[in-house]
C-alpha atoms as a PDB file:
ATOM      1  CA  MET A   1      -3.303   5.459 -14.752  1.00  0.00           C
ATOM      2  CA  LYS A   2      -6.427   6.927 -13.600  1.00  0.00           C
ATOM      3  CA  TRP A   3      -7.140   5.992  -9.742  1.00  0.00           C
ATOM      4  CA  VAL A   4     -11.243   4.830  -9.444  1.00  0.00           C
ATOM      5  CA  LYS A   5     -12.684   5.349  -5.459  1.00  0.00           C
ATOM      6  CA  PRO A   6     -14.785   3.457  -4.996  1.00  0.00           C
ATOM      7  CA  PRO A   7     -18.729   4.496  -4.226  1.00  0.00           C
ATOM      8  CA  ILE A   8     -19.958   4.414  -0.676  1.00  0.00           C
ATOM      9  CA  GLU A   9     -23.186   4.857   1.035  1.00  0.00           C
ATOM     10  CA  GLY A  10     -23.224   9.008   2.598  1.00  0.00           C
ATOM     11  CA  ASP A  11     -25.806   7.664   5.310  1.00  0.00           C
ATOM     12  CA  LYS A  12     -23.131   5.343   6.312  1.00  0.00           C
ATOM     13  CA  VAL A  13     -20.547   7.694   6.113  1.00  0.00           C
ATOM     14  CA  ARG A  14     -22.875  10.344   8.090  1.00  0.00           C
ATOM     15  CA  ALA A  15     -23.738   7.556  10.494  1.00  0.00           C
ATOM     16  CA  LEU A  16     -19.887   6.278  11.211  1.00  0.00           C
ATOM     17  CA  ALA A  17     -18.931  10.442  12.241  1.00  0.00           C
ATOM     18  CA  ALA A  18     -22.488  10.435  14.406  1.00  0.00           C
ATOM     19  CA  SER A  19     -21.484   7.478  16.317  1.00  0.00           C
ATOM     20  CA  HIS A  20     -17.443   8.010  16.623  1.00  0.00           C
ATOM     21  CA  ASN A  21     -17.497  11.727  16.751  1.00  0.00           C
ATOM     22  CA  LEU A  22     -15.463  12.352  13.241  1.00  0.00           C
ATOM     23  CA  ASP A  23     -15.351  14.620  10.546  1.00  0.00           C
ATOM     24  CA  LEU A  24     -17.019  13.281   7.129  1.00  0.00           C
ATOM     25  CA  LEU A  25     -13.678  13.283   5.435  1.00  0.00           C
ATOM     26  CA  THR A  26     -12.451  10.848   8.373  1.00  0.00           C
ATOM     27  CA  ALA A  27     -15.645   8.282   8.434  1.00  0.00           C
ATOM     28  CA  SER A  28     -15.298   8.657   4.346  1.00  0.00           C
ATOM     29  CA  ILE A  29     -12.043   7.799   4.245  1.00  0.00           C
ATOM     30  CA  LEU A  30     -12.482   4.960   6.703  1.00  0.00           C
ATOM     31  CA  THR A  31     -15.897   3.697   5.656  1.00  0.00           C
ATOM     32  CA  ARG A  32     -13.571   2.776   1.757  1.00  0.00           C
ATOM     33  CA  ARG A  33     -11.456   0.739   3.622  1.00  0.00           C
ATOM     34  CA  GLU A  34     -14.003  -0.848   4.907  1.00  0.00           C
ATOM     35  CA  MET A  35     -13.201  -0.434   8.457  1.00  0.00           C
ATOM     36  CA  GLY A  36     -16.250   0.656  10.367  1.00  0.00           C
ATOM     37  CA  LEU A  37     -16.122  -1.567  12.979  1.00  0.00           C
ATOM     38  CA  PRO A  38     -14.649  -0.421  16.129  1.00  0.00           C
ATOM     39  CA  GLY A  39     -12.101  -2.632  16.360  1.00  0.00           C
ATOM     40  CA  GLN A  40     -10.953  -2.054  13.103  1.00  0.00           C
ATOM     41  CA  MET A  41     -10.768   1.840  13.467  1.00  0.00           C
ATOM     42  CA  ALA A  42      -8.918   1.561  16.366  1.00  0.00           C
ATOM     43  CA  PHE A  43      -4.683   1.398  14.883  1.00  0.00           C
ATOM     44  CA  PHE A  44      -6.018   4.046  12.779  1.00  0.00           C
ATOM     45  CA  LEU A  45      -7.823   6.644  15.489  1.00  0.00           C
ATOM     46  CA  GLU A  46      -5.738   5.909  18.062  1.00  0.00           C
ATOM     47  CA  GLU A  47      -3.377   9.401  19.534  1.00  0.00           C
ATOM     48  CA  ASP A  48      -1.192   6.948  21.537  1.00  0.00           C
ATOM     49  CA  GLU A  49       2.075   6.389  19.622  1.00  0.00           C
ATOM     50  CA  ARG A  50       2.977   3.293  21.270  1.00  0.00           C
ATOM     51  CA  PHE A  51       0.167   1.757  19.785  1.00  0.00           C
ATOM     52  CA  LEU A  52       1.024   2.156  15.746  1.00  0.00           C
ATOM     53  CA  HIS A  53       4.183  -0.235  14.891  1.00  0.00           C
ATOM     54  CA  ASN A  54       1.695  -3.686  14.024  1.00  0.00           C
ATOM     55  CA  PRO A  55       1.133  -3.654  10.691  1.00  0.00           C
ATOM     56  CA  PHE A  56      -0.446  -7.066  11.142  1.00  0.00           C
ATOM     57  CA  ILE A  57      -3.312  -4.844  11.882  1.00  0.00           C
ATOM     58  CA  PHE A  58      -3.671  -4.361   7.879  1.00  0.00           C
ATOM     59  CA  PRO A  59      -5.936  -6.622   6.390  1.00  0.00           C
ATOM     60  CA  ASP A  60      -4.185  -9.654   4.900  1.00  0.00           C
ATOM     61  CA  MET A  61      -0.537  -8.540   6.016  1.00  0.00           C
ATOM     62  CA  GLU A  62       0.497 -12.311   7.043  1.00  0.00           C
ATOM     63  CA  LYS A  63      -0.662 -13.366   2.970  1.00  0.00           C
ATOM     64  CA  ALA A  64       1.737 -10.470   2.137  1.00  0.00           C
ATOM     65  CA  VAL A  65       3.974 -11.882   4.597  1.00  0.00           C
ATOM     66  CA  GLU A  66       4.585 -15.048   3.432  1.00  0.00           C
ATOM     67  CA  ARG A  67       4.614 -13.451  -0.404  1.00  0.00           C
ATOM     68  CA  VAL A  68       7.984 -11.871   0.178  1.00  0.00           C
ATOM     69  CA  LEU A  69       9.540 -14.290   1.784  1.00  0.00           C
ATOM     70  CA  ALA A  70       8.387 -17.118  -0.315  1.00  0.00           C
ATOM     71  CA  ALA A  71       9.892 -15.024  -3.116  1.00  0.00           C
ATOM     72  CA  ALA A  72      12.968 -15.183  -1.441  1.00  0.00           C
ATOM     73  CA  GLU A  73      12.543 -18.741  -0.744  1.00  0.00           C
ATOM     74  CA  GLU A  74      12.610 -19.119  -4.644  1.00  0.00           C
ATOM     75  CA  GLY A  75      14.499 -16.619  -5.530  1.00  0.00           C
ATOM     76  CA  GLU A  76      12.309 -15.013  -7.698  1.00  0.00           C
ATOM     77  CA  LYS A  77      12.520 -11.824  -9.430  1.00  0.00           C
ATOM     78  CA  VAL A  78      11.126  -8.962  -7.493  1.00  0.00           C
ATOM     79  CA  LEU A  79      10.373  -4.674  -8.765  1.00  0.00           C
ATOM     80  CA  ILE A  80       8.989  -2.015  -6.519  1.00  0.00           C
ATOM     81  CA  CYS A  81       7.031   0.357  -8.379  1.00  0.00           C
ATOM     82  CA  GLY A  82       6.735   3.073  -6.496  1.00  0.00           C
ATOM     83  CA  ASP A  83       5.950   7.146  -7.332  1.00  0.00           C
ATOM     84  CA  LYS A  84       8.225  10.818  -8.344  1.00  0.00           C
ATOM     85  CA  ASP A  85       7.268  12.357  -5.513  1.00  0.00           C
ATOM     86  CA  ALA A  86       9.072  12.668  -2.015  1.00  0.00           C
ATOM     87  CA  ASP A  87       6.937  10.106  -0.248  1.00  0.00           C
ATOM     88  CA  GLY A  88       6.988   7.258  -3.468  1.00  0.00           C
ATOM     89  CA  ILE A  89      10.285   7.707  -3.439  1.00  0.00           C
ATOM     90  CA  THR A  90      11.434   7.446   0.025  1.00  0.00           C
ATOM     91  CA  GLY A  91       9.034   4.484   0.886  1.00  0.00           C
ATOM     92  CA  THR A  92      10.229   2.870  -2.484  1.00  0.00           C
ATOM     93  CA  VAL A  93      14.145   2.828  -0.744  1.00  0.00           C
ATOM     94  CA  LEU A  94      12.731   1.505   2.282  1.00  0.00           C
ATOM     95  CA  MET A  95      10.915  -1.418   0.610  1.00  0.00           C
ATOM     96  CA  VAL A  96      14.274  -2.587  -1.466  1.00  0.00           C
ATOM     97  CA  GLU A  97      16.297  -2.364   1.898  1.00  0.00           C
ATOM     98  CA  THR A  98      14.020  -4.381   3.831  1.00  0.00           C
ATOM     99  CA  LEU A  99      13.534  -6.676   1.201  1.00  0.00           C
ATOM    100  CA  ARG A 100      17.692  -6.784   0.561  1.00  0.00           C
ATOM    101  CA  MET A 101      17.254  -7.722   4.478  1.00  0.00           C
ATOM    102  CA  VAL A 102      15.466 -11.087   3.779  1.00  0.00           C
ATOM    103  CA  GLY A 103      17.375 -11.911   0.921  1.00  0.00           C
ATOM    104  CA  LEU A 104      16.141 -10.495  -2.344  1.00  0.00           C
ATOM    105  CA  ASN A 105      17.646  -8.227  -4.715  1.00  0.00           C
ATOM    106  CA  PRO A 106      14.409  -6.278  -5.935  1.00  0.00           C
ATOM    107  CA  GLU A 107      14.742  -3.983  -9.110  1.00  0.00           C
ATOM    108  CA  TRP A 108      12.895  -0.806  -9.109  1.00  0.00           C
ATOM    109  CA  ARG A 109      11.267   1.504 -10.622  1.00  0.00           C
ATOM    110  CA  VAL A 110       9.341   4.994 -10.336  1.00  0.00           C
ATOM    111  CA  PRO A 111       7.646   7.384 -13.433  1.00  0.00           C
ATOM    112  CA  LEU A 112      11.082   9.541 -14.466  1.00  0.00           C
ATOM    113  CA  GLY A 113      11.113  12.807 -16.480  1.00  0.00           C
ATOM    114  CA  ASP A 114       7.544  13.249 -17.772  1.00  0.00           C
ATOM    115  CA  GLU A 115       6.056  10.065 -17.122  1.00  0.00           C
ATOM    116  CA  ASP A 116       2.947  10.062 -15.356  1.00  0.00           C
ATOM    117  CA  TYR A 117       3.272  10.094 -11.773  1.00  0.00           C
ATOM    118  CA  GLY A 118       1.910   6.148 -10.414  1.00  0.00           C
ATOM    119  CA  LEU A 119       2.232   2.939 -12.021  1.00  0.00           C
ATOM    120  CA  ASN A 120       2.657   2.214 -15.122  1.00  0.00           C
ATOM    121  CA  PRO A 121       1.298  -0.698 -17.201  1.00  0.00           C
ATOM    122  CA  GLN A 122       3.881  -0.101 -19.177  1.00  0.00           C
ATOM    123  CA  VAL A 123       6.768  -1.401 -16.817  1.00  0.00           C
ATOM    124  CA  LEU A 124       4.437  -4.317 -16.229  1.00  0.00           C
ATOM    125  CA  VAL A 125       4.445  -5.812 -19.343  1.00  0.00           C
ATOM    126  CA  GLU A 126       8.211  -5.137 -19.883  1.00  0.00           C
ATOM    127  CA  LYS A 127       9.300  -6.580 -16.611  1.00  0.00           C
ATOM    128  CA  ALA A 128       7.134  -9.490 -17.442  1.00  0.00           C
ATOM    129  CA  ALA A 129       9.389 -10.147 -20.209  1.00  0.00           C
ATOM    130  CA  GLU A 130      11.945 -10.225 -17.612  1.00  0.00           C
ATOM    131  CA  ASP A 131      11.024 -12.363 -15.595  1.00  0.00           C
ATOM    132  CA  VAL A 132       9.474 -10.797 -12.957  1.00  0.00           C
ATOM    133  CA  THR A 133       7.149 -12.337 -10.723  1.00  0.00           C
ATOM    134  CA  LEU A 134       6.213 -10.268  -7.600  1.00  0.00           C
ATOM    135  CA  VAL A 135       5.831  -6.280  -8.121  1.00  0.00           C
ATOM    136  CA  ILE A 136       4.897  -4.235  -4.747  1.00  0.00           C
ATOM    137  CA  THR A 137       3.757  -0.762  -5.112  1.00  0.00           C
ATOM    138  CA  VAL A 138       4.618   2.005  -3.238  1.00  0.00           C
ATOM    139  CA  ASP A 139       2.594   5.079  -2.932  1.00  0.00           C
ATOM    140  CA  CYS A 140       1.361   4.386  -6.102  1.00  0.00           C
ATOM    141  CA  GLY A 141      -2.513   5.121  -5.562  1.00  0.00           C
END
């Protein structure tokens, strides 16, 4: 699977970098994530670790939590797809353990052997045939 980054306007990136004293890489990441407003950037740029714990600052986090809780309530089959590097495996374990705490018993999958890194579309087809109704990706690009 090839990761395709959405195009961004260079002028927007340079303006954001200049107005907030950011390097171009940081400004381009914030622009791509549509985090160009001061309130949106605060979470990502905050240096005081006491403010780095609120996941609900991410767009649509409430919808994601509601979806997971609905899956638990309905007894849906859930699949966690992670990556095979250290942070992908760690993230997969954390997600599996967290979902178990809310009553789910998710399956999990990371690429094996010489499989490519990232999300494998064939796995999604196979798991859909096994009635998996919710897929959560961890560190897949």
